[in-house]
Amino acid sequence: ANSALPIFGLFMQKINADKSLSTFTNPRFPHPSKSVLRQLSCDDEKEDGFLKKLFTNEEKAKTKEFGETKKKGFFDKIKKVFKKN
């Protein structure tokens, strides 16, 4: 993508400089009607992000509840051996 961007940029500069292609590169559209604007006027909707959707599984049963105590692992058990007195 990094090597293609400069090539595409030069291509677009040449196309934009050609006046015979201006109908394609700089098109003018009519303003939408009031009925179309009313249909497009809606409340914003916030959705979860892509990564949250990707890594969240709602069907998976939760294995741990908030505030639940953690079992002591091996290093937690031997930690007292290395404490200085």
N, C-alpha and C. Protein backbone atom coordinates (compact mmCIF):
# COMPACT_ATOMS: atom_id res chain seq x y z
N ALA A 1 0.84 -1.20 0.00
CA ALA A 1 0.00 0.00 0.00
C ALA A 1 0.88 1.26 0.00
N ASN A 2 1.98 1.23 0.72
CA ASN A 2 2.84 2.42 0.79
C ASN A 2 3.48 2.73 -0.56
N SER A 3 3.80 1.70 -1.34
CA SER A 3 4.43 1.97 -2.63
C SER A 3 3.39 2.34 -3.69
N ALA A 4 2.16 1.92 -3.52
CA ALA A 4 1.11 2.22 -4.50
C ALA A 4 0.55 3.63 -4.32
N LEU A 5 0.60 4.16 -3.13
CA LEU A 5 0.00 5.48 -2.88
C LEU A 5 0.62 6.59 -3.72
N PRO A 6 1.94 6.72 -3.82
CA PRO A 6 2.50 7.78 -4.66
C PRO A 6 2.13 7.61 -6.14
N ILE A 7 2.09 6.38 -6.61
CA ILE A 7 1.74 6.13 -8.00
C ILE A 7 0.29 6.54 -8.25
N PHE A 8 -0.60 6.16 -7.35
CA PHE A 8 -2.01 6.53 -7.48
C PHE A 8 -2.19 8.04 -7.38
N GLY A 9 -1.43 8.67 -6.48
CA GLY A 9 -1.50 10.13 -6.34
C GLY A 9 -1.11 10.85 -7.62
N LEU A 10 -0.03 10.41 -8.26
CA LEU A 10 0.39 11.01 -9.54
C LEU A 10 -0.66 10.78 -10.62
N PHE A 11 -1.22 9.58 -10.65
CA PHE A 11 -2.27 9.26 -11.61
C PHE A 11 -3.47 10.21 -11.43
N MET A 12 -3.90 10.41 -10.18
CA MET A 12 -5.05 11.28 -9.92
C MET A 12 -4.72 12.74 -10.26
N GLN A 13 -3.49 13.18 -10.03
CA GLN A 13 -3.11 14.55 -10.40
C GLN A 13 -3.23 14.76 -11.90
N LYS A 14 -2.79 13.76 -12.68
CA LYS A 14 -2.88 13.87 -14.13
C LYS A 14 -4.33 13.86 -14.61
N ILE A 15 -5.16 13.04 -13.99
CA ILE A 15 -6.58 12.98 -14.35
C ILE A 15 -7.26 14.31 -14.01
N ASN A 16 -6.97 14.86 -12.83
CA ASN A 16 -7.59 16.13 -12.42
C ASN A 16 -7.11 17.28 -13.29
N ALA A 17 -5.90 17.22 -13.81
CA ALA A 17 -5.37 18.29 -14.66
C ALA A 17 -5.99 18.28 -16.05
N ASP A 18 -6.48 17.14 -16.49
CA ASP A 18 -7.09 17.03 -17.82
C ASP A 18 -8.52 17.60 -17.77
N LYS A 19 -8.75 18.73 -18.44
CA LYS A 19 -10.04 19.40 -18.39
C LYS A 19 -11.15 18.58 -19.06
N SER A 20 -10.81 17.72 -20.01
CA SER A 20 -11.84 16.93 -20.68
C SER A 20 -12.44 15.87 -19.75
N LEU A 21 -11.75 15.58 -18.64
CA LEU A 21 -12.25 14.59 -17.68
C LEU A 21 -12.89 15.22 -16.44
N SER A 22 -13.04 16.54 -16.45
CA SER A 22 -13.56 17.21 -15.25
C SER A 22 -14.99 16.80 -14.91
N THR A 23 -15.77 16.37 -15.90
CA THR A 23 -17.13 15.90 -15.59
C THR A 23 -17.09 14.63 -14.73
N PHE A 24 -16.01 13.88 -14.80
CA PHE A 24 -15.88 12.66 -13.99
C PHE A 24 -15.17 12.92 -12.67
N THR A 25 -14.20 13.82 -12.68
CA THR A 25 -13.40 14.05 -11.47
C THR A 25 -14.01 15.10 -10.56
N ASN A 26 -14.81 16.02 -11.09
CA ASN A 26 -15.46 17.06 -10.28
C ASN A 26 -16.95 17.13 -10.61
N PRO A 27 -17.68 16.07 -10.34
CA PRO A 27 -19.10 16.09 -10.70
C PRO A 27 -19.90 17.02 -9.79
N ARG A 28 -20.96 17.56 -10.32
CA ARG A 28 -21.87 18.41 -9.55
C ARG A 28 -23.20 17.67 -9.43
N PHE A 29 -23.66 17.52 -8.21
CA PHE A 29 -24.91 16.81 -7.95
C PHE A 29 -25.97 17.81 -7.51
N PRO A 30 -27.22 17.57 -7.86
CA PRO A 30 -28.28 18.47 -7.39
C PRO A 30 -28.49 18.27 -5.89
N HIS A 31 -28.97 19.31 -5.24
CA HIS A 31 -29.26 19.20 -3.80
C HIS A 31 -30.41 18.22 -3.59
N PRO A 32 -30.35 17.44 -2.53
CA PRO A 32 -31.44 16.49 -2.28
C PRO A 32 -32.74 17.21 -1.91
N SER A 33 -33.84 16.57 -2.20
CA SER A 33 -35.15 17.17 -1.90
C SER A 33 -35.39 17.16 -0.39
N LYS A 34 -36.40 17.90 0.03
CA LYS A 34 -36.71 17.97 1.47
C LYS A 34 -37.15 16.61 2.01
N SER A 35 -37.86 15.84 1.20
CA SER A 35 -38.30 14.52 1.68
C SER A 35 -37.10 13.59 1.89
N VAL A 36 -36.12 13.68 1.02
CA VAL A 36 -34.91 12.87 1.18
C VAL A 36 -34.14 13.33 2.41
N LEU A 37 -34.03 14.62 2.62
CA LEU A 37 -33.35 15.13 3.82
C LEU A 37 -34.06 14.69 5.09
N ARG A 38 -35.40 14.66 5.08
CA ARG A 38 -36.15 14.20 6.25
C ARG A 38 -35.87 12.73 6.52
N GLN A 39 -35.78 11.93 5.45
CA GLN A 39 -35.50 10.50 5.62
C GLN A 39 -34.09 10.26 6.15
N LEU A 40 -33.18 11.12 5.78
CA LEU A 40 -31.79 10.98 6.23
C LEU A 40 -31.57 11.54 7.63
N SER A 41 -32.50 12.35 8.09
CA SER A 41 -32.37 12.96 9.41
C SER A 41 -32.83 11.95 10.47
N CYS A 42 -31.88 11.38 11.19
CA CYS A 42 -32.21 10.41 12.23
C CYS A 42 -31.24 10.60 13.40
N ASP A 43 -31.60 10.01 14.52
CA ASP A 43 -30.76 10.11 15.71
C ASP A 43 -29.47 9.31 15.50
N ASP A 44 -28.40 9.80 16.10
CA ASP A 44 -27.14 9.08 16.05
C ASP A 44 -27.26 7.79 16.85
N GLU A 45 -26.56 6.79 16.41
CA GLU A 45 -26.58 5.51 17.10
C GLU A 45 -25.15 5.10 17.40
N LYS A 46 -24.88 4.81 18.65
CA LYS A 46 -23.53 4.39 19.03
C LYS A 46 -23.47 2.87 19.05
N GLU A 47 -22.49 2.34 18.36
CA GLU A 47 -22.29 0.90 18.32
C GLU A 47 -20.98 0.56 18.99
N ASP A 48 -20.87 -0.67 19.44
CA ASP A 48 -19.61 -1.14 20.01
C ASP A 48 -18.54 -1.12 18.92
N GLY A 49 -17.31 -0.96 19.33
CA GLY A 49 -16.21 -0.94 18.39
C GLY A 49 -15.97 -2.29 17.74
N PHE A 50 -15.20 -2.27 16.66
CA PHE A 50 -14.91 -3.47 15.90
C PHE A 50 -14.23 -4.53 16.77
N LEU A 51 -13.22 -4.12 17.55
CA LEU A 51 -12.47 -5.10 18.36
C LEU A 51 -13.34 -5.70 19.45
N LYS A 52 -14.23 -4.89 20.03
CA LYS A 52 -15.10 -5.42 21.07
C LYS A 52 -16.04 -6.46 20.48
N LYS A 53 -16.57 -6.18 19.28
CA LYS A 53 -17.43 -7.16 18.62
C LYS A 53 -16.65 -8.42 18.27
N LEU A 54 -15.40 -8.24 17.88
CA LEU A 54 -14.58 -9.37 17.46
C LEU A 54 -14.23 -10.29 18.63
N PHE A 55 -13.89 -9.70 19.78
CA PHE A 55 -13.38 -10.49 20.90
C PHE A 55 -14.39 -10.75 22.01
N THR A 56 -15.63 -10.33 21.85
CA THR A 56 -16.64 -10.56 22.87
C THR A 56 -17.59 -11.65 22.39
N ASN A 57 -17.80 -12.63 23.22
CA ASN A 57 -18.72 -13.71 22.91
C ASN A 57 -19.82 -13.69 23.95
N GLU A 58 -20.99 -13.21 23.56
CA GLU A 58 -22.11 -13.09 24.49
C GLU A 58 -22.66 -14.46 24.89
N GLU A 59 -22.49 -15.46 24.04
CA GLU A 59 -23.02 -16.79 24.32
C GLU A 59 -22.19 -17.55 25.33
N LYS A 60 -20.92 -17.16 25.49
CA LYS A 60 -20.03 -17.86 26.40
C LYS A 60 -20.42 -17.54 27.85
N ALA A 61 -20.53 -18.57 28.65
CA ALA A 61 -20.89 -18.39 30.06
C ALA A 61 -19.72 -17.72 30.78
N LYS A 62 -20.06 -16.80 31.66
CA LYS A 62 -19.01 -16.13 32.43
C LYS A 62 -18.47 -17.09 33.46
N THR A 63 -17.15 -17.16 33.54
CA THR A 63 -16.53 -18.11 34.46
C THR A 63 -16.17 -17.46 35.79
N LYS A 64 -16.17 -16.14 35.83
CA LYS A 64 -15.77 -15.47 37.05
C LYS A 64 -16.64 -14.24 37.26
N GLU A 65 -17.11 -14.06 38.44
CA GLU A 65 -17.91 -12.89 38.78
C GLU A 65 -17.00 -11.80 39.33
N PHE A 66 -17.42 -10.58 39.18
CA PHE A 66 -16.65 -9.44 39.68
C PHE A 66 -16.56 -9.52 41.20
N GLY A 67 -15.37 -9.30 41.72
CA GLY A 67 -15.16 -9.31 43.16
C GLY A 67 -14.85 -10.68 43.72
N GLU A 68 -14.87 -11.69 42.89
CA GLU A 68 -14.56 -13.04 43.34
C GLU A 68 -13.07 -13.12 43.67
N THR A 69 -12.73 -13.81 44.74
CA THR A 69 -11.33 -13.90 45.14
C THR A 69 -10.56 -14.82 44.20
N LYS A 70 -9.31 -14.50 44.01
CA LYS A 70 -8.44 -15.25 43.12
C LYS A 70 -7.76 -16.37 43.90
N LYS A 71 -7.66 -17.55 43.27
CA LYS A 71 -6.96 -18.65 43.91
C LYS A 71 -5.47 -18.33 43.91
N LYS A 72 -4.77 -18.76 44.97
CA LYS A 72 -3.34 -18.51 45.05
C LYS A 72 -2.60 -19.47 44.13
N GLY A 73 -1.74 -18.89 43.31
CA GLY A 73 -0.93 -19.69 42.41
C GLY A 73 0.37 -20.10 43.08
N PHE A 74 1.20 -20.80 42.36
CA PHE A 74 2.46 -21.32 42.87
C PHE A 74 3.35 -20.21 43.40
N PHE A 75 3.52 -19.13 42.63
CA PHE A 75 4.43 -18.06 43.04
C PHE A 75 3.87 -17.26 44.21
N ASP A 76 2.54 -17.17 44.31
CA ASP A 76 1.95 -16.52 45.48
C ASP A 76 2.24 -17.33 46.74
N LYS A 77 2.27 -18.63 46.62
CA LYS A 77 2.52 -19.49 47.77
C LYS A 77 3.97 -19.43 48.24
N ILE A 78 4.94 -19.33 47.32
CA ILE A 78 6.35 -19.33 47.73
C ILE A 78 6.90 -17.92 47.91
N LYS A 79 6.09 -16.91 47.69
CA LYS A 79 6.55 -15.52 47.80
C LYS A 79 7.11 -15.21 49.19
N LYS A 80 6.51 -15.77 50.23
CA LYS A 80 6.95 -15.48 51.59
C LYS A 80 8.36 -16.01 51.87
N VAL A 81 8.83 -16.98 51.10
CA VAL A 81 10.18 -17.53 51.28
C VAL A 81 11.22 -16.46 50.95
N PHE A 82 10.93 -15.59 49.99
CA PHE A 82 11.89 -14.60 49.52
C PHE A 82 11.77 -13.25 50.20
N LYS A 83 10.84 -13.10 51.13
CA LYS A 83 10.68 -11.82 51.83
C LYS A 83 11.82 -11.63 52.82
N LYS A 84 12.29 -10.38 52.90
CA LYS A 84 13.33 -10.06 53.88
C LYS A 84 12.67 -9.80 55.21
N ASN A 85 13.30 -10.21 56.24
CA ASN A 85 12.77 -9.99 57.61
C ASN A 85 13.28 -8.73 58.20
